[in-house]
Amino acid sequence: MNKAPKIGLVSLGCPKALVDSERILTTLRAQGYEFSRDYAGADLVIVNTCGFIDSAKAESLDAIGEAITENGKVIVTGCLGVEEDLIRKTHPKVLT
């Protein structure tokens, strides 16, 4: 029997980001994914970011870096995700 992939997720920012994260979780759970309480136990980490103000961008970039350090496989979603050049300059190991 195949083991279901485990996903780690961190949600940063506004209530809309939280709703987006809940939708991501619901969709992935319906597709058979499981969720890990820590990055190390996950097959992949999703960082749902905020990019509205500079302090939120910094917090999001820090969270991406932490996830890369602890897991190595990171996907970025959310508002900061549109700033791909900034993300890749800061964290070139981000998957997407």
N, C-alpha and C. Protein backbone atom coordinates (compact mmCIF):
# COMPACT_ATOMS: atom_id res chain seq x y z
N MET A 1 0.84 -1.18 0.00
CA MET A 1 0.00 0.00 0.00
C MET A 1 0.89 1.25 0.00
N ASN A 2 0.58 2.21 -0.85
CA ASN A 2 1.34 3.45 -0.94
C ASN A 2 1.01 4.37 0.22
N LYS A 3 2.05 5.00 0.72
CA LYS A 3 1.89 5.97 1.80
C LYS A 3 1.43 7.30 1.20
N ALA A 4 0.43 7.92 1.80
CA ALA A 4 -0.06 9.22 1.33
C ALA A 4 1.02 10.27 1.56
N PRO A 5 1.23 11.16 0.58
CA PRO A 5 2.21 12.22 0.78
C PRO A 5 1.76 13.16 1.90
N LYS A 6 2.76 13.66 2.65
CA LYS A 6 2.48 14.59 3.75
C LYS A 6 2.91 15.99 3.36
N ILE A 7 2.05 16.94 3.68
CA ILE A 7 2.27 18.34 3.36
C ILE A 7 2.37 19.14 4.65
N GLY A 8 3.34 20.04 4.70
CA GLY A 8 3.41 21.03 5.77
C GLY A 8 2.89 22.34 5.20
N LEU A 9 2.25 23.15 6.02
CA LEU A 9 1.72 24.42 5.53
C LEU A 9 1.85 25.48 6.61
N VAL A 10 2.30 26.65 6.20
CA VAL A 10 2.29 27.81 7.09
C VAL A 10 1.54 28.92 6.36
N SER A 11 0.68 29.61 7.09
CA SER A 11 -0.13 30.69 6.52
C SER A 11 0.21 31.99 7.22
N LEU A 12 0.57 32.99 6.43
CA LEU A 12 0.95 34.29 6.97
C LEU A 12 0.04 35.37 6.42
N GLY A 13 -0.21 36.40 7.21
CA GLY A 13 -0.92 37.56 6.68
C GLY A 13 -2.35 37.69 7.13
N CYS A 14 -3.15 38.19 6.23
CA CYS A 14 -4.52 38.63 6.51
C CYS A 14 -5.52 37.47 6.59
N PRO A 15 -6.75 37.77 6.99
CA PRO A 15 -7.79 36.73 7.02
C PRO A 15 -8.03 36.07 5.65
N LYS A 16 -7.84 36.82 4.56
CA LYS A 16 -8.01 36.21 3.24
C LYS A 16 -6.97 35.12 3.01
N ALA A 17 -5.74 35.36 3.46
CA ALA A 17 -4.69 34.34 3.33
C ALA A 17 -5.07 33.10 4.13
N LEU A 18 -5.66 33.29 5.29
CA LEU A 18 -6.10 32.15 6.10
C LEU A 18 -7.18 31.35 5.37
N VAL A 19 -8.12 32.04 4.76
CA VAL A 19 -9.17 31.36 3.98
C VAL A 19 -8.53 30.61 2.81
N ASP A 20 -7.59 31.24 2.13
CA ASP A 20 -6.90 30.56 1.02
C ASP A 20 -6.19 29.30 1.51
N SER A 21 -5.54 29.40 2.67
CA SER A 21 -4.85 28.23 3.24
C SER A 21 -5.83 27.12 3.57
N GLU A 22 -6.97 27.49 4.13
CA GLU A 22 -7.99 26.49 4.45
C GLU A 22 -8.50 25.81 3.18
N ARG A 23 -8.64 26.57 2.11
CA ARG A 23 -9.06 25.98 0.82
C ARG A 23 -8.00 25.02 0.29
N ILE A 24 -6.74 25.42 0.40
CA ILE A 24 -5.65 24.54 -0.03
C ILE A 24 -5.69 23.25 0.77
N LEU A 25 -5.80 23.36 2.09
CA LEU A 25 -5.86 22.17 2.95
C LEU A 25 -7.03 21.28 2.60
N THR A 26 -8.20 21.88 2.42
CA THR A 26 -9.40 21.10 2.10
C THR A 26 -9.25 20.37 0.78
N THR A 27 -8.74 21.06 -0.23
CA THR A 27 -8.56 20.44 -1.55
C THR A 27 -7.54 19.30 -1.49
N LEU A 28 -6.41 19.55 -0.85
CA LEU A 28 -5.38 18.51 -0.78
C LEU A 28 -5.84 17.32 0.06
N ARG A 29 -6.52 17.60 1.16
CA ARG A 29 -7.04 16.51 2.00
C ARG A 29 -8.01 15.64 1.20
N ALA A 30 -8.88 16.27 0.39
CA ALA A 30 -9.84 15.53 -0.44
C ALA A 30 -9.14 14.68 -1.49
N GLN A 31 -7.92 15.07 -1.86
CA GLN A 31 -7.15 14.31 -2.85
C GLN A 31 -6.26 13.25 -2.20
N GLY A 32 -6.39 13.09 -0.88
CA GLY A 32 -5.67 12.03 -0.19
C GLY A 32 -4.38 12.41 0.50
N TYR A 33 -4.03 13.69 0.48
CA TYR A 33 -2.82 14.12 1.16
C TYR A 33 -3.04 14.13 2.67
N GLU A 34 -1.97 13.92 3.40
CA GLU A 34 -1.99 14.05 4.85
C GLU A 34 -1.19 15.29 5.21
N PHE A 35 -1.31 15.72 6.46
CA PHE A 35 -0.63 16.93 6.87
C PHE A 35 0.29 16.67 8.04
N SER A 36 1.45 17.29 7.98
CA SER A 36 2.47 17.15 9.00
C SER A 36 2.44 18.38 9.90
N ARG A 37 2.65 18.16 11.18
CA ARG A 37 2.69 19.29 12.12
C ARG A 37 4.03 20.00 12.11
N ASP A 38 5.03 19.38 11.48
CA ASP A 38 6.33 20.04 11.38
C ASP A 38 6.90 19.87 9.98
N TYR A 39 7.84 20.73 9.65
CA TYR A 39 8.42 20.70 8.31
C TYR A 39 9.20 19.43 8.04
N ALA A 40 9.92 18.96 9.04
CA ALA A 40 10.77 17.79 8.85
C ALA A 40 9.97 16.54 8.51
N GLY A 41 8.75 16.43 9.00
CA GLY A 41 7.92 15.26 8.73
C GLY A 41 7.13 15.34 7.45
N ALA A 42 7.29 16.44 6.71
CA ALA A 42 6.52 16.65 5.47
C ALA A 42 7.35 16.26 4.25
N ASP A 43 6.65 15.83 3.21
CA ASP A 43 7.30 15.59 1.92
C ASP A 43 7.51 16.90 1.17
N LEU A 44 6.74 17.91 1.53
CA LEU A 44 6.75 19.21 0.86
C LEU A 44 6.12 20.24 1.80
N VAL A 45 6.61 21.47 1.74
CA VAL A 45 6.04 22.55 2.57
C VAL A 45 5.48 23.64 1.66
N ILE A 46 4.26 24.06 1.95
CA ILE A 46 3.64 25.19 1.26
C ILE A 46 3.69 26.38 2.21
N VAL A 47 4.24 27.49 1.74
CA VAL A 47 4.27 28.72 2.53
C VAL A 47 3.33 29.71 1.84
N ASN A 48 2.19 29.98 2.48
CA ASN A 48 1.22 30.93 1.96
C ASN A 48 1.58 32.30 2.52
N THR A 49 2.05 33.18 1.66
CA THR A 49 2.71 34.41 2.09
C THR A 49 1.82 35.64 2.07
N CYS A 50 2.37 36.69 2.68
CA CYS A 50 1.78 38.02 2.62
C CYS A 50 2.83 38.93 1.99
N GLY A 51 2.41 39.81 1.11
CA GLY A 51 3.34 40.73 0.47
C GLY A 51 2.84 42.15 0.48
N PHE A 52 1.97 42.46 1.43
CA PHE A 52 1.29 43.76 1.42
C PHE A 52 2.19 44.90 1.90
N ILE A 53 2.90 44.69 3.00
CA ILE A 53 3.79 45.73 3.53
C ILE A 53 5.18 45.11 3.72
N ASP A 54 6.18 45.97 3.85
CA ASP A 54 7.56 45.49 3.91
C ASP A 54 7.81 44.52 5.07
N SER A 55 7.22 44.79 6.24
CA SER A 55 7.43 43.89 7.38
C SER A 55 6.81 42.52 7.11
N ALA A 56 5.69 42.49 6.42
CA ALA A 56 5.05 41.21 6.07
C ALA A 56 5.88 40.47 5.03
N LYS A 57 6.47 41.20 4.09
CA LYS A 57 7.36 40.57 3.11
C LYS A 57 8.55 39.93 3.81
N ALA A 58 9.13 40.67 4.76
CA ALA A 58 10.28 40.14 5.50
C ALA A 58 9.90 38.89 6.27
N GLU A 59 8.74 38.91 6.93
CA GLU A 59 8.28 37.74 7.68
C GLU A 59 8.07 36.56 6.73
N SER A 60 7.50 36.81 5.57
CA SER A 60 7.27 35.75 4.60
C SER A 60 8.58 35.17 4.10
N LEU A 61 9.55 36.04 3.77
CA LEU A 61 10.85 35.56 3.31
C LEU A 61 11.56 34.75 4.39
N ASP A 62 11.43 35.18 5.65
CA ASP A 62 12.00 34.41 6.76
C ASP A 62 11.36 33.04 6.86
N ALA A 63 10.04 32.98 6.73
CA ALA A 63 9.32 31.69 6.81
C ALA A 63 9.73 30.77 5.67
N ILE A 64 9.91 31.33 4.48
CA ILE A 64 10.36 30.53 3.34
C ILE A 64 11.74 29.96 3.63
N GLY A 65 12.63 30.80 4.14
CA GLY A 65 13.99 30.34 4.47
C GLY A 65 13.99 29.25 5.52
N GLU A 66 13.16 29.40 6.54
CA GLU A 66 13.06 28.39 7.59
C GLU A 66 12.57 27.06 7.01
N ALA A 67 11.56 27.13 6.15
CA ALA A 67 11.02 25.91 5.55
C ALA A 67 12.06 25.23 4.66
N ILE A 68 12.83 26.02 3.91
CA ILE A 68 13.88 25.45 3.06
C ILE A 68 14.94 24.79 3.93
N THR A 69 15.34 25.44 5.00
CA THR A 69 16.36 24.89 5.89
C THR A 69 15.90 23.58 6.52
N GLU A 70 14.66 23.53 6.97
CA GLU A 70 14.16 22.35 7.67
C GLU A 70 13.66 21.24 6.76
N ASN A 71 13.26 21.60 5.52
CA ASN A 71 12.67 20.59 4.64
C ASN A 71 13.34 20.50 3.28
N GLY A 72 13.59 21.63 2.65
CA GLY A 72 14.24 21.64 1.35
C GLY A 72 13.31 21.68 0.15
N LYS A 73 12.05 21.29 0.33
CA LYS A 73 11.09 21.30 -0.78
C LYS A 73 9.96 22.26 -0.42
N VAL A 74 9.96 23.43 -1.07
CA VAL A 74 9.04 24.50 -0.69
C VAL A 74 8.35 25.08 -1.92
N ILE A 75 7.03 25.24 -1.79
CA ILE A 75 6.22 25.95 -2.77
C ILE A 75 5.67 27.20 -2.10
N VAL A 76 5.76 28.33 -2.79
CA VAL A 76 5.28 29.60 -2.25
C VAL A 76 3.97 29.97 -2.94
N THR A 77 2.97 30.32 -2.13
CA THR A 77 1.69 30.82 -2.63
C THR A 77 1.42 32.16 -1.97
N GLY A 78 0.33 32.79 -2.32
CA GLY A 78 -0.08 34.02 -1.66
C GLY A 78 0.44 35.27 -2.36
N CYS A 79 0.24 36.39 -1.71
CA CYS A 79 0.52 37.70 -2.31
C CYS A 79 1.98 37.89 -2.69
N LEU A 80 2.90 37.43 -1.86
CA LEU A 80 4.31 37.61 -2.18
C LEU A 80 4.72 36.74 -3.37
N GLY A 81 3.95 35.72 -3.64
CA GLY A 81 4.25 34.82 -4.75
C GLY A 81 4.36 35.51 -6.10
N VAL A 82 3.74 36.67 -6.25
CA VAL A 82 3.83 37.40 -7.52
C VAL A 82 5.19 38.06 -7.70
N GLU A 83 5.96 38.14 -6.62
CA GLU A 83 7.30 38.73 -6.70
C GLU A 83 8.34 37.62 -6.82
N GLU A 84 8.21 36.84 -7.88
CA GLU A 84 9.08 35.67 -8.07
C GLU A 84 10.56 36.05 -8.09
N ASP A 85 10.91 37.17 -8.72
CA ASP A 85 12.32 37.56 -8.78
C ASP A 85 12.90 37.78 -7.39
N LEU A 86 12.15 38.45 -6.52
CA LEU A 86 12.59 38.68 -5.14
C LEU A 86 12.75 37.37 -4.40
N ILE A 87 11.76 36.49 -4.54
CA ILE A 87 11.81 35.20 -3.84
C ILE A 87 13.00 34.39 -4.31
N ARG A 88 13.19 34.28 -5.62
CA ARG A 88 14.28 33.46 -6.17
C ARG A 88 15.65 34.08 -5.88
N LYS A 89 15.72 35.41 -5.82
CA LYS A 89 16.98 36.06 -5.46
C LYS A 89 17.35 35.73 -4.01
N THR A 90 16.35 35.75 -3.14
CA THR A 90 16.57 35.50 -1.72
C THR A 90 16.69 34.01 -1.42
N HIS A 91 15.87 33.20 -2.09
CA HIS A 91 15.81 31.76 -1.83
C HIS A 91 15.77 30.99 -3.16
N PRO A 92 16.91 30.82 -3.81
CA PRO A 92 16.92 30.17 -5.12
C PRO A 92 16.47 28.71 -5.12
N LYS A 93 16.39 28.08 -3.95
CA LYS A 93 15.99 26.66 -3.89
C LYS A 93 14.48 26.45 -3.86
N VAL A 94 13.70 27.53 -3.86
CA VAL A 94 12.24 27.39 -3.87
C VAL A 94 11.83 26.64 -5.13
N LEU A 95 10.91 25.68 -4.98
CA LEU A 95 10.46 24.89 -6.13
C LEU A 95 9.64 25.72 -7.09
N THR A 96 8.65 26.42 -6.57
CA THR A 96 7.78 27.25 -7.40
C THR A 96 7.00 28.23 -6.55
